[in-house]
Amino acid sequence: MSLRLSYSKKRRIPPRILVAKLGLDGHDRGIKIIAHALRDAGYEVIYTGLFQTPEVVAQAAVEEDVRIVAVSILSGAHKVLLPKVVKLLKKKGARDVQVIGGGIISAKDAERLKKQGIARVFGPGTPVQEIISFLDRELERS
């Protein structure tokens, strides 16, 4: 797969992104593909692994000084867990960290999540380049 030169590759210091699997969802193939694609696009990727809690993800995001948190969730607990990550990041003073989500999330739930602070939700089958392009645009703005 050939990806265009990402905004992140044009920078001296690559943007840091934390990728995580929240809850009891053990299906990690998709997030690993995204993590590798982001790394190949020039991002510095920190992968927290499976079965993470919102508290662990928010703390890791602060400690690792990331710009973006990408969460994959297929268990159906996205309505509770994703907003909790946003809330905890704000509580820790990391208001500039953007949270994106991916997985089996309905359009209705995606709209609700956006209102709760999730920057974007990507569903199954989203082209990797679309995710990278979104992240690049968001980083250019900040």
Protein backbone atom coordinates (compact mmCIF):
# COMPACT_ATOMS: atom_id res chain seq x y z
CA MET A 1 0.00 0.00 0.00
CA SER A 2 1.39 3.39 -0.95
CA LEU A 3 0.47 6.39 1.19
CA ARG A 4 1.00 10.00 0.18
CA LEU A 5 3.54 12.04 2.12
CA SER A 6 1.79 12.91 5.33
CA TYR A 7 1.86 16.27 7.08
CA SER A 8 3.55 14.51 9.95
CA LYS A 9 6.47 13.42 7.73
CA LYS A 10 7.10 17.04 6.78
CA ARG A 11 7.77 17.95 10.42
CA ARG A 12 11.07 17.62 12.24
CA ILE A 13 9.40 16.22 15.34
CA PRO A 14 6.71 13.68 14.55
CA PRO A 15 3.34 14.18 16.23
CA ARG A 16 2.71 11.67 19.00
CA ILE A 17 -0.46 9.58 18.99
CA LEU A 18 -1.67 7.09 21.55
CA VAL A 19 -3.74 4.16 20.29
CA ALA A 20 -5.77 2.04 22.68
CA LYS A 21 -8.38 -0.66 23.03
CA LEU A 22 -10.91 0.19 25.71
CA GLY A 23 -12.93 -2.25 27.78
CA LEU A 24 -13.22 -5.96 27.36
CA ASP A 25 -12.94 -5.91 23.58
CA GLY A 26 -10.15 -8.28 22.56
CA HIS A 27 -10.30 -7.74 18.80
CA ASP A 28 -7.14 -5.77 18.06
CA ARG A 29 -6.39 -6.44 14.39
CA GLY A 30 -7.90 -3.14 13.21
CA ILE A 31 -6.11 -0.93 15.74
CA LYS A 32 -2.81 -2.64 14.97
CA ILE A 33 -3.29 -1.94 11.25
CA ILE A 34 -4.05 1.71 12.08
CA ALA A 35 -1.04 1.93 14.40
CA HIS A 36 1.30 0.62 11.71
CA ALA A 37 -0.18 2.93 9.06
CA LEU A 38 0.19 5.95 11.34
CA ARG A 39 3.80 5.02 12.05
CA ASP A 40 4.46 4.62 8.34
CA ALA A 41 2.88 8.06 7.77
CA GLY A 42 5.38 9.64 10.16
CA TYR A 43 3.55 9.63 13.49
CA GLU A 44 5.17 8.47 16.68
CA VAL A 45 2.76 5.80 17.90
CA ILE A 46 2.32 4.61 21.48
CA TYR A 47 0.14 1.49 21.71
CA THR A 48 -1.33 0.73 25.12
CA GLY A 49 -2.58 -2.73 24.26
CA LEU A 50 -5.79 -4.53 25.06
CA PHE A 51 -8.31 -4.17 27.90
CA GLN A 52 -7.53 -0.61 28.91
CA THR A 53 -9.63 1.61 31.16
CA PRO A 54 -10.39 5.28 30.43
CA GLU A 55 -8.26 6.19 33.46
CA VAL A 56 -5.21 4.34 32.12
CA VAL A 57 -5.64 5.79 28.63
CA ALA A 58 -6.00 9.37 29.89
CA GLN A 59 -3.01 9.02 32.23
CA ALA A 60 -0.86 7.51 29.46
CA ALA A 61 -1.86 10.33 27.09
CA VAL A 62 -0.73 12.92 29.62
CA GLU A 63 2.50 11.09 30.51
CA GLU A 64 3.40 10.49 26.86
CA ASP A 65 2.51 14.09 25.88
CA VAL A 66 0.45 13.00 22.89
CA ARG A 67 -1.60 15.25 20.60
CA ILE A 68 -4.18 12.62 19.70
CA VAL A 69 -5.75 9.59 21.34
CA ALA A 70 -7.19 7.00 18.95
CA VAL A 71 -9.51 4.48 20.57
CA SER A 72 -10.86 1.34 18.97
CA ILE A 73 -13.93 -0.18 20.54
CA LEU A 74 -16.15 -2.96 19.24
CA SER A 75 -17.84 -4.03 22.47
CA GLY A 76 -20.72 -1.55 22.39
CA ALA A 77 -19.50 0.38 25.45
CA HIS A 78 -18.46 3.40 23.36
CA LYS A 79 -21.28 5.62 24.70
CA VAL A 80 -19.79 5.40 28.19
CA LEU A 81 -16.06 4.83 27.71
CA LEU A 82 -15.17 7.36 24.99
CA PRO A 83 -16.75 10.39 26.74
CA LYS A 84 -15.06 9.30 29.96
CA VAL A 85 -11.64 9.52 28.26
CA VAL A 86 -12.45 13.09 27.14
CA LYS A 87 -13.65 14.03 30.63
CA LEU A 88 -10.54 12.61 32.28
CA LEU A 89 -8.21 14.36 29.83
CA LYS A 90 -9.88 17.69 30.61
CA LYS A 91 -9.65 16.97 34.33
CA LYS A 92 -5.90 16.36 33.93
CA GLY A 93 -5.47 19.64 32.03
CA ALA A 94 -4.97 18.01 28.63
CA ARG A 95 -7.71 19.99 26.88
CA ASP A 96 -5.73 20.19 23.63
CA VAL A 97 -5.57 16.41 23.20
CA GLN A 98 -8.05 15.24 20.59
CA VAL A 99 -9.83 11.91 20.92
CA ILE A 100 -10.93 9.96 17.87
CA GLY A 101 -12.83 6.69 17.90
CA GLY A 102 -13.23 3.74 15.65
CA GLY A 103 -15.17 0.54 15.56
CA ILE A 104 -18.75 -0.62 15.40
CA ILE A 105 -20.49 2.66 16.20
CA SER A 106 -23.79 3.72 14.65
CA ALA A 107 -24.15 7.08 12.90
CA LYS A 108 -26.56 8.18 15.65
CA ASP A 109 -24.06 7.28 18.36
CA ALA A 110 -21.23 8.93 16.39
CA GLU A 111 -23.16 12.23 16.36
CA ARG A 112 -23.80 11.94 20.08
CA LEU A 113 -20.11 11.25 20.72
CA LYS A 114 -19.08 14.31 18.69
CA LYS A 115 -21.29 16.43 20.94
CA GLN A 116 -19.45 14.91 23.90
CA GLY A 117 -16.02 15.92 22.62
CA ILE A 118 -14.95 13.11 20.31
CA ALA A 119 -13.28 14.75 17.31
CA ARG A 120 -14.31 12.08 14.80
CA VAL A 121 -15.58 8.52 14.63
CA PHE A 122 -14.36 6.15 11.91
CA GLY A 123 -16.36 3.05 11.06
CA PRO A 124 -15.31 -0.32 9.71
CA GLY A 125 -13.80 -0.19 6.26
CA THR A 126 -12.65 3.43 6.51
CA PRO A 127 -9.60 3.80 4.25
CA VAL A 128 -6.43 4.34 6.28
CA GLN A 129 -5.56 7.35 4.12
CA GLU A 130 -8.83 9.02 5.15
CA ILE A 131 -7.86 8.73 8.82
CA ILE A 132 -4.36 10.03 8.17
CA SER A 133 -5.69 12.94 6.10
CA PHE A 134 -8.10 13.88 8.90
CA LEU A 135 -5.31 13.82 11.48
CA ASP A 136 -2.99 15.82 9.25
CA ARG A 137 -5.65 18.52 8.75
CA GLU A 138 -6.31 18.71 12.48
CA LEU A 139 -2.61 19.07 13.25
CA GLU A 140 -2.18 21.77 10.64
CA ARG A 141 -4.88 23.80 12.42
CA SER A 142 -3.21 23.61 15.79
